[in-house]
Amino acid sequence: MKAAIVAVTKKGKSTAFKIKKNLPGSKVYVPALKGGLRDLVKKLFCKFEGIIFCMAAGIVVRVIASCVKNKYTDPAVVVVDEAERYAISLLSGHEGGANTLAIQAANILGAEPIVTTASESMRNIVIGIGCRRNINKEEIIKAVRLALNKTGSSMKKVRHIATIDLKRNERGLQDACRELGIPLRIISADLIKRFSGAYKRSSFVKEKVGVEGVSEPCALIAAKRPKLILPKTKVGRVTVAAVKEI
């Protein structure tokens, strides 16, 4: 997606460039807060498929209000707070791709993606994935389907596939998520290390990737009020776990 990233403060600018570094095809804009922002937004609405604002949501609502037409033509609009805690899908979430863009921004910053689209927010299954290097998409898809079969769940109920940041660039994992139409959620190794919840821990995994587990903790961290419904299961070169939000 061709995206503009807009900031008006020094901290916001820092956040914007973090996103740009990891979001191909994006461009940063830093207008003056008074006057310049509103004029810029009018131009960006027609020029870009998506706009990420690194500022307060209230400011964004006011400056985009006169530009909003309908969900089929409006660009995806995402808001990231300057503390980098949240990436909010604000406008054109499903049709325009803001939900996906919010998750991408969240993955880059280690933030929490906020998606309120009814059809997506009601999905309550999160799949955790660990895999060997250079995994192919077929292996990932096989593991996901096995997890769903074992738990009696359907693909339509899956909100995220979650994995450790070490695996963020695995092409097979990215391709599998794209083919399945499920967003990939990235969980930082640091967050896993600090996670105090119960999961199957492995000294072997810690030796290899620096944490005591991947599939189970990633699924548990990525979900709200999670219940483990499929413990870590090995499927060839993939480990898979599943949780249900209750």
C-alpha atoms as a PDB file:
ATOM      1  CA  MET A   1       0.000   0.000   0.000  1.00  0.00           C
ATOM      2  CA  LYS A   2       1.221   3.495  -0.901  1.00  0.00           C
ATOM      3  CA  ALA A   3       1.037   5.320   2.439  1.00  0.00           C
ATOM      4  CA  ALA A   4       1.721   8.806   3.775  1.00  0.00           C
ATOM      5  CA  ILE A   5       2.948   9.153   7.358  1.00  0.00           C
ATOM      6  CA  VAL A   6       2.145  12.478   8.998  1.00  0.00           C
ATOM      7  CA  ALA A   7       3.611  13.980  12.175  1.00  0.00           C
ATOM      8  CA  VAL A   8       3.620  17.454  13.717  1.00  0.00           C
ATOM      9  CA  THR A   9       5.966  17.116  16.703  1.00  0.00           C
ATOM     10  CA  LYS A  10       9.543  15.983  17.249  1.00  0.00           C
ATOM     11  CA  LYS A  11       8.404  12.771  18.948  1.00  0.00           C
ATOM     12  CA  GLY A  12       5.813  12.134  16.281  1.00  0.00           C
ATOM     13  CA  LYS A  13       8.433  12.642  13.594  1.00  0.00           C
ATOM     14  CA  SER A  14      10.682  10.068  15.258  1.00  0.00           C
ATOM     15  CA  THR A  15       7.820   7.570  15.263  1.00  0.00           C
ATOM     16  CA  ALA A  16       6.986   8.367  11.642  1.00  0.00           C
ATOM     17  CA  PHE A  17      10.492   7.593  10.450  1.00  0.00           C
ATOM     18  CA  LYS A  18      10.535   4.314  12.390  1.00  0.00           C
ATOM     19  CA  ILE A  19       7.453   3.266  10.456  1.00  0.00           C
ATOM     20  CA  LYS A  20       8.799   4.519   7.120  1.00  0.00           C
ATOM     21  CA  LYS A  21      11.993   2.496   7.535  1.00  0.00           C
ATOM     22  CA  ASN A  22       9.983  -0.718   7.587  1.00  0.00           C
ATOM     23  CA  LEU A  23       7.010   0.157   5.385  1.00  0.00           C
ATOM     24  CA  PRO A  24       7.945   0.080   1.678  1.00  0.00           C
ATOM     25  CA  GLY A  25       6.405   2.778  -0.485  1.00  0.00           C
ATOM     26  CA  SER A  26       5.687   5.142   2.398  1.00  0.00           C
ATOM     27  CA  LYS A  27       6.592   8.829   2.668  1.00  0.00           C
ATOM     28  CA  VAL A  28       6.840  11.110   5.723  1.00  0.00           C
ATOM     29  CA  TYR A  29       5.233  14.565   5.880  1.00  0.00           C
ATOM     30  CA  VAL A  30       5.848  17.064   8.706  1.00  0.00           C
ATOM     31  CA  PRO A  31       3.577  20.110   8.181  1.00  0.00           C
ATOM     32  CA  ALA A  32       3.036  23.034  10.516  1.00  0.00           C
ATOM     33  CA  LEU A  33       0.405  22.197  13.140  1.00  0.00           C
ATOM     34  CA  LYS A  34      -1.606  25.365  12.487  1.00  0.00           C
ATOM     35  CA  GLY A  35      -3.109  25.610   9.016  1.00  0.00           C
ATOM     36  CA  GLY A  36      -0.565  23.468   7.230  1.00  0.00           C
ATOM     37  CA  LEU A  37      -1.928  20.159   8.501  1.00  0.00           C
ATOM     38  CA  ARG A  38      -5.480  20.646   7.255  1.00  0.00           C
ATOM     39  CA  ASP A  39      -4.328  21.767   3.801  1.00  0.00           C
ATOM     40  CA  LEU A  40      -1.903  18.855   3.554  1.00  0.00           C
ATOM     41  CA  VAL A  41      -4.544  16.284   4.473  1.00  0.00           C
ATOM     42  CA  LYS A  42      -6.823  17.470   1.654  1.00  0.00           C
ATOM     43  CA  LYS A  43      -4.026  16.717  -0.819  1.00  0.00           C
ATOM     44  CA  LEU A  44      -3.048  13.390   0.745  1.00  0.00           C
ATOM     45  CA  PHE A  45      -6.623  12.082   0.687  1.00  0.00           C
ATOM     46  CA  CYS A  46      -6.553  12.073  -3.102  1.00  0.00           C
ATOM     47  CA  LYS A  47      -2.945  10.961  -3.506  1.00  0.00           C
ATOM     48  CA  PHE A  48      -2.402   8.025  -1.124  1.00  0.00           C
ATOM     49  CA  GLU A  49      -4.105   4.691  -0.441  1.00  0.00           C
ATOM     50  CA  GLY A  50      -3.354   5.028   3.253  1.00  0.00           C
ATOM     51  CA  ILE A  51      -2.421   7.717   5.778  1.00  0.00           C
ATOM     52  CA  ILE A  52      -0.803   7.067   9.150  1.00  0.00           C
ATOM     53  CA  PHE A  53      -1.043   9.952  11.609  1.00  0.00           C
ATOM     54  CA  CYS A  54       1.462  10.011  14.487  1.00  0.00           C
ATOM     55  CA  MET A  55      -0.538  12.237  16.824  1.00  0.00           C
ATOM     56  CA  ALA A  56      -3.685  12.383  18.967  1.00  0.00           C
ATOM     57  CA  ALA A  57      -6.835  10.841  17.475  1.00  0.00           C
ATOM     58  CA  GLY A  58      -8.838  13.991  18.239  1.00  0.00           C
ATOM     59  CA  ILE A  59      -6.618  16.076  15.971  1.00  0.00           C
ATOM     60  CA  VAL A  60      -7.003  13.526  13.187  1.00  0.00           C
ATOM     61  CA  VAL A  61     -10.798  13.399  13.430  1.00  0.00           C
ATOM     62  CA  ARG A  62     -10.997  17.166  13.058  1.00  0.00           C
ATOM     63  CA  VAL A  63      -8.621  17.484  10.108  1.00  0.00           C
ATOM     64  CA  ILE A  64     -10.083  14.618   8.059  1.00  0.00           C
ATOM     65  CA  ALA A  65     -13.769  15.407   8.743  1.00  0.00           C
ATOM     66  CA  SER A  66     -14.354  17.516   5.631  1.00  0.00           C
ATOM     67  CA  CYS A  67     -12.535  15.011   3.397  1.00  0.00           C
ATOM     68  CA  VAL A  68     -14.461  11.876   4.337  1.00  0.00           C
ATOM     69  CA  LYS A  69     -16.858  10.617   1.631  1.00  0.00           C
ATOM     70  CA  ASN A  70     -17.442   6.848   1.791  1.00  0.00           C
ATOM     71  CA  LYS A  71     -15.676   3.623   2.728  1.00  0.00           C
ATOM     72  CA  TYR A  72     -15.156   2.615  -0.892  1.00  0.00           C
ATOM     73  CA  THR A  73     -13.142   5.678  -1.917  1.00  0.00           C
ATOM     74  CA  ASP A  74     -11.621   7.062   1.289  1.00  0.00           C
ATOM     75  CA  PRO A  75      -8.023   6.068   2.043  1.00  0.00           C
ATOM     76  CA  ALA A  76      -7.147   3.857   4.985  1.00  0.00           C
ATOM     77  CA  VAL A  77      -6.561   6.070   8.029  1.00  0.00           C
ATOM     78  CA  VAL A  78      -4.509   4.859  10.995  1.00  0.00           C
ATOM     79  CA  VAL A  79      -3.609   6.787  14.143  1.00  0.00           C
ATOM     80  CA  VAL A  80      -0.493   6.014  16.209  1.00  0.00           C
ATOM     81  CA  ASP A  81      -0.007   7.714  19.569  1.00  0.00           C
ATOM     82  CA  GLU A  82       3.346   9.360  20.251  1.00  0.00           C
ATOM     83  CA  ALA A  83       4.129   6.896  23.039  1.00  0.00           C
ATOM     84  CA  GLU A  84       3.870   4.143  20.397  1.00  0.00           C
ATOM     85  CA  ARG A  85       1.445   2.108  22.500  1.00  0.00           C
ATOM     86  CA  TYR A  86      -1.424   1.841  20.020  1.00  0.00           C
ATOM     87  CA  ALA A  87      -2.038   1.731  16.271  1.00  0.00           C
ATOM     88  CA  ILE A  88      -5.710   2.505  15.689  1.00  0.00           C
ATOM     89  CA  SER A  89      -7.633   1.655  12.528  1.00  0.00           C
ATOM     90  CA  LEU A  90      -9.769   4.807  12.312  1.00  0.00           C
ATOM     91  CA  LEU A  91     -11.274   4.946   8.810  1.00  0.00           C
ATOM     92  CA  SER A  92     -11.867   2.498   5.939  1.00  0.00           C
ATOM     93  CA  GLY A  93     -10.869  -0.415   8.132  1.00  0.00           C
ATOM     94  CA  HIS A  94     -12.039  -3.343   6.038  1.00  0.00           C
ATOM     95  CA  GLU A  95     -12.722  -1.939   2.576  1.00  0.00           C
ATOM     96  CA  GLY A  96      -9.783   0.470   2.533  1.00  0.00           C
ATOM     97  CA  GLY A  97      -7.277  -1.725   4.332  1.00  0.00           C
ATOM     98  CA  ALA A  98      -6.802   0.338   7.492  1.00  0.00           C
ATOM     99  CA  ASN A  99      -7.097  -2.762   9.673  1.00  0.00           C
ATOM    100  CA  THR A 100      -4.163  -4.362   7.895  1.00  0.00           C
ATOM    101  CA  LEU A 101      -2.207  -1.096   7.913  1.00  0.00           C
ATOM    102  CA  ALA A 102      -2.778  -0.701  11.661  1.00  0.00           C
ATOM    103  CA  ILE A 103      -1.407  -4.182  12.283  1.00  0.00           C
ATOM    104  CA  GLN A 104       1.616  -3.440  10.093  1.00  0.00           C
ATOM    105  CA  ALA A 105       2.342  -0.254  12.040  1.00  0.00           C
ATOM    106  CA  ALA A 106       1.836  -2.076  15.334  1.00  0.00           C
ATOM    107  CA  ASN A 107       4.238  -4.817  14.279  1.00  0.00           C
ATOM    108  CA  ILE A 108       6.900  -2.254  13.411  1.00  0.00           C
ATOM    109  CA  LEU A 109       6.562  -0.355  16.686  1.00  0.00           C
ATOM    110  CA  GLY A 110       5.732  -3.192  19.037  1.00  0.00           C
ATOM    111  CA  ALA A 111       2.383  -1.511  19.663  1.00  0.00           C
ATOM    112  CA  GLU A 112      -1.121  -2.870  20.201  1.00  0.00           C
ATOM    113  CA  PRO A 113      -3.293  -2.820  17.039  1.00  0.00           C
ATOM    114  CA  ILE A 114      -6.820  -1.512  17.675  1.00  0.00           C
ATOM    115  CA  VAL A 115      -9.431  -2.817  15.213  1.00  0.00           C
ATOM    116  CA  THR A 116     -13.129  -2.168  15.824  1.00  0.00           C
ATOM    117  CA  THR A 117     -14.650  -3.495  12.579  1.00  0.00           C
ATOM    118  CA  ALA A 118     -17.456  -5.806  13.782  1.00  0.00           C
ATOM    119  CA  SER A 119     -16.699  -8.736  11.477  1.00  0.00           C
ATOM    120  CA  GLU A 120     -13.035  -8.769  12.482  1.00  0.00           C
ATOM    121  CA  SER A 121     -13.201  -7.780  16.130  1.00  0.00           C
ATOM    122  CA  MET A 122     -15.574 -10.687  16.826  1.00  0.00           C
ATOM    123  CA  ARG A 123     -13.042 -13.261  15.628  1.00  0.00           C
ATOM    124  CA  ASN A 124     -11.818 -14.985  18.764  1.00  0.00           C
ATOM    125  CA  ILE A 125      -9.128 -17.485  17.743  1.00  0.00           C
ATOM    126  CA  VAL A 126      -5.419 -16.652  17.681  1.00  0.00           C
ATOM    127  CA  ILE A 127      -2.895 -19.087  16.226  1.00  0.00           C
ATOM    128  CA  GLY A 128       0.691 -19.024  17.481  1.00  0.00           C
ATOM    129  CA  ILE A 129       3.406 -20.175  15.092  1.00  0.00           C
ATOM    130  CA  GLY A 130       7.051 -21.113  15.485  1.00  0.00           C
ATOM    131  CA  CYS A 131       9.015 -22.363  12.500  1.00  0.00           C
ATOM    132  CA  ARG A 132      12.400 -23.282  11.112  1.00  0.00           C
ATOM    133  CA  ARG A 133      14.289 -20.902   8.864  1.00  0.00           C
ATOM    134  CA  ASN A 134      13.242 -20.743   5.189  1.00  0.00           C
ATOM    135  CA  ILE A 135       9.902 -22.405   5.866  1.00  0.00           C
ATOM    136  CA  ASN A 136       7.506 -22.599   2.920  1.00  0.00           C
ATOM    137  CA  LYS A 137       3.912 -21.431   2.957  1.00  0.00           C
ATOM    138  CA  GLU A 138       2.471 -24.912   2.452  1.00  0.00           C
ATOM    139  CA  GLU A 139       4.008 -26.084   5.734  1.00  0.00           C
ATOM    140  CA  ILE A 140       2.522 -23.123   7.600  1.00  0.00           C
ATOM    141  CA  ILE A 141      -0.924 -23.577   6.052  1.00  0.00           C
ATOM    142  CA  LYS A 142      -0.881 -27.286   6.888  1.00  0.00           C
ATOM    143  CA  ALA A 143      -0.095 -26.512  10.543  1.00  0.00           C
ATOM    144  CA  VAL A 144      -2.817 -23.854  10.788  1.00  0.00           C
ATOM    145  CA  ARG A 145      -5.440 -26.166   9.294  1.00  0.00           C
ATOM    146  CA  LEU A 146      -4.402 -28.981  11.613  1.00  0.00           C
ATOM    147  CA  ALA A 147      -4.782 -26.656  14.605  1.00  0.00           C
ATOM    148  CA  LEU A 148      -8.257 -25.641  13.495  1.00  0.00           C
ATOM    149  CA  ASN A 149      -9.300 -29.250  12.875  1.00  0.00           C
ATOM    150  CA  LYS A 150      -8.067 -30.319  16.306  1.00  0.00           C
ATOM    151  CA  THR A 151      -9.967 -27.524  18.033  1.00  0.00           C
ATOM    152  CA  GLY A 152     -13.127 -27.650  15.934  1.00  0.00           C
ATOM    153  CA  SER A 153     -12.602 -24.065  14.801  1.00  0.00           C
ATOM    154  CA  SER A 154     -12.896 -22.458  11.373  1.00  0.00           C
ATOM    155  CA  MET A 155     -10.617 -20.139   9.441  1.00  0.00           C
ATOM    156  CA  LYS A 156     -13.304 -17.441   9.636  1.00  0.00           C
ATOM    157  CA  LYS A 157     -12.829 -17.289  13.410  1.00  0.00           C
ATOM    158  CA  VAL A 158      -9.065 -16.624  13.283  1.00  0.00           C
ATOM    159  CA  ARG A 159      -8.159 -13.026  14.114  1.00  0.00           C
ATOM    160  CA  HIS A 160      -4.365 -13.241  14.005  1.00  0.00           C
ATOM    161  CA  ILE A 161      -1.491 -15.565  13.349  1.00  0.00           C
ATOM    162  CA  ALA A 162       1.185 -14.565  15.851  1.00  0.00           C
ATOM    163  CA  THR A 163       4.917 -15.209  15.829  1.00  0.00           C
ATOM    164  CA  ILE A 164       8.163 -13.894  17.307  1.00  0.00           C
ATOM    165  CA  ASP A 165       9.893 -10.848  15.788  1.00  0.00           C
ATOM    166  CA  LEU A 166      12.813 -13.079  14.765  1.00  0.00           C
ATOM    167  CA  LYS A 167      10.502 -14.613  12.143  1.00  0.00           C
ATOM    168  CA  ARG A 168       8.928 -11.399  10.820  1.00  0.00           C
ATOM    169  CA  ASN A 169      10.747 -11.664   7.469  1.00  0.00           C
ATOM    170  CA  GLU A 170      10.100 -15.347   6.787  1.00  0.00           C
ATOM    171  CA  ARG A 171       8.646 -15.262   3.284  1.00  0.00           C
ATOM    172  CA  GLY A 172       6.772 -18.542   3.674  1.00  0.00           C
ATOM    173  CA  LEU A 173       5.014 -17.275   6.792  1.00  0.00           C
ATOM    174  CA  GLN A 174       4.126 -13.976   5.131  1.00  0.00           C
ATOM    175  CA  ASP A 175       2.830 -15.749   2.018  1.00  0.00           C
ATOM    176  CA  ALA A 176       0.765 -18.192   4.072  1.00  0.00           C
ATOM    177  CA  CYS A 177      -0.926 -15.373   5.983  1.00  0.00           C
ATOM    178  CA  ARG A 178      -1.602 -13.523   2.752  1.00  0.00           C
ATOM    179  CA  GLU A 179      -3.127 -16.617   1.123  1.00  0.00           C
ATOM    180  CA  LEU A 180      -5.267 -17.387   4.165  1.00  0.00           C
ATOM    181  CA  GLY A 181      -6.323 -13.746   4.513  1.00  0.00           C
ATOM    182  CA  ILE A 182      -5.223 -13.609   8.155  1.00  0.00           C
ATOM    183  CA  PRO A 183      -3.073 -10.756   9.535  1.00  0.00           C
ATOM    184  CA  LEU A 184       0.370 -11.626  10.893  1.00  0.00           C
ATOM    185  CA  ARG A 185       0.944 -10.247  14.394  1.00  0.00           C
ATOM    186  CA  ILE A 186       4.566  -9.835  15.507  1.00  0.00           C
ATOM    187  CA  ILE A 187       5.449 -10.345  19.174  1.00  0.00           C
ATOM    188  CA  SER A 188       8.830  -9.096  20.379  1.00  0.00           C
ATOM    189  CA  ALA A 189      11.270 -11.472  22.049  1.00  0.00           C
ATOM    190  CA  ASP A 190      11.525  -8.979  24.898  1.00  0.00           C
ATOM    191  CA  LEU A 191       7.783  -9.181  25.506  1.00  0.00           C
ATOM    192  CA  ILE A 192       7.947 -12.978  25.564  1.00  0.00           C
ATOM    193  CA  LYS A 193      10.802 -12.849  28.081  1.00  0.00           C
ATOM    194  CA  ARG A 194       8.711 -10.627  30.353  1.00  0.00           C
ATOM    195  CA  PHE A 195       5.538 -12.688  29.937  1.00  0.00           C
ATOM    196  CA  SER A 196       4.672 -14.359  33.237  1.00  0.00           C
ATOM    197  CA  GLY A 197       1.801 -16.519  32.006  1.00  0.00           C
ATOM    198  CA  ALA A 198       1.901 -20.308  32.004  1.00  0.00           C
ATOM    199  CA  TYR A 199       3.141 -22.008  28.845  1.00  0.00           C
ATOM    200  CA  LYS A 200       5.299 -24.967  27.837  1.00  0.00           C
ATOM    201  CA  ARG A 201       8.896 -23.825  28.283  1.00  0.00           C
ATOM    202  CA  SER A 202      11.889 -25.333  26.491  1.00  0.00           C
ATOM    203  CA  SER A 203      15.595 -24.890  27.214  1.00  0.00           C
ATOM    204  CA  PHE A 204      16.297 -26.046  23.646  1.00  0.00           C
ATOM    205  CA  VAL A 205      14.160 -23.254  22.177  1.00  0.00           C
ATOM    206  CA  LYS A 206      15.816 -20.741  24.496  1.00  0.00           C
ATOM    207  CA  GLU A 207      19.239 -21.828  23.264  1.00  0.00           C
ATOM    208  CA  LYS A 208      18.165 -21.338  19.644  1.00  0.00           C
ATOM    209  CA  VAL A 209      16.090 -18.129  19.747  1.00  0.00           C
ATOM    210  CA  GLY A 210      16.660 -16.643  23.191  1.00  0.00           C
ATOM    211  CA  VAL A 211      13.194 -17.308  24.639  1.00  0.00           C
ATOM    212  CA  GLU A 212      11.663 -20.400  26.232  1.00  0.00           C
ATOM    213  CA  GLY A 213       8.829 -20.745  23.758  1.00  0.00           C
ATOM    214  CA  VAL A 214       7.303 -19.232  20.637  1.00  0.00           C
ATOM    215  CA  SER A 215       3.965 -20.650  19.515  1.00  0.00           C
ATOM    216  CA  GLU A 216       2.218 -20.747  22.908  1.00  0.00           C
ATOM    217  CA  PRO A 217       3.402 -17.411  24.366  1.00  0.00           C
ATOM    218  CA  CYS A 218       2.884 -15.575  21.060  1.00  0.00           C
ATOM    219  CA  ALA A 219      -0.726 -16.774  20.869  1.00  0.00           C
ATOM    220  CA  LEU A 220      -1.357 -15.961  24.534  1.00  0.00           C
ATOM    221  CA  ILE A 221       0.164 -12.474  24.312  1.00  0.00           C
ATOM    222  CA  ALA A 222      -1.669 -11.590  21.081  1.00  0.00           C
ATOM    223  CA  ALA A 223      -5.086 -12.449  22.541  1.00  0.00           C
ATOM    224  CA  LYS A 224      -7.344 -10.855  25.144  1.00  0.00           C
ATOM    225  CA  ARG A 225      -8.535 -13.117  27.995  1.00  0.00           C
ATOM    226  CA  PRO A 226      -6.998 -16.152  26.267  1.00  0.00           C
ATOM    227  CA  LYS A 227      -7.722 -19.795  26.969  1.00  0.00           C
ATOM    228  CA  LEU A 228      -5.224 -22.272  25.532  1.00  0.00           C
ATOM    229  CA  ILE A 229      -7.226 -24.721  23.418  1.00  0.00           C
ATOM    230  CA  LEU A 230      -4.306 -26.344  21.597  1.00  0.00           C
ATOM    231  CA  PRO A 231      -0.965 -26.663  23.389  1.00  0.00           C
ATOM    232  CA  LYS A 232       2.258 -26.465  21.397  1.00  0.00           C
ATOM    233  CA  THR A 233       2.045 -29.096  18.662  1.00  0.00           C
ATOM    234  CA  LYS A 234       4.841 -30.027  16.272  1.00  0.00           C
ATOM    235  CA  VAL A 235       3.869 -30.333  12.616  1.00  0.00           C
ATOM    236  CA  GLY A 236       7.021 -31.074  10.648  1.00  0.00           C
ATOM    237  CA  ARG A 237       9.179 -27.941  10.772  1.00  0.00           C
ATOM    238  CA  VAL A 238       6.397 -25.889  12.376  1.00  0.00           C
ATOM    239  CA  THR A 239       5.136 -25.611  15.942  1.00  0.00           C
ATOM    240  CA  VAL A 240       1.571 -24.414  16.354  1.00  0.00           C
ATOM    241  CA  ALA A 241      -0.649 -23.489  19.294  1.00  0.00           C
ATOM    242  CA  ALA A 242      -4.132 -22.008  19.484  1.00  0.00           C
ATOM    243  CA  VAL A 243      -5.993 -19.885  22.012  1.00  0.00           C
ATOM    244  CA  LYS A 244      -9.603 -18.776  22.255  1.00  0.00           C
ATOM    245  CA  GLU A 245     -10.634 -15.430  23.676  1.00  0.00           C
ATOM    246  CA  ILE A 246     -13.303 -15.924  26.316  1.00  0.00           C
END
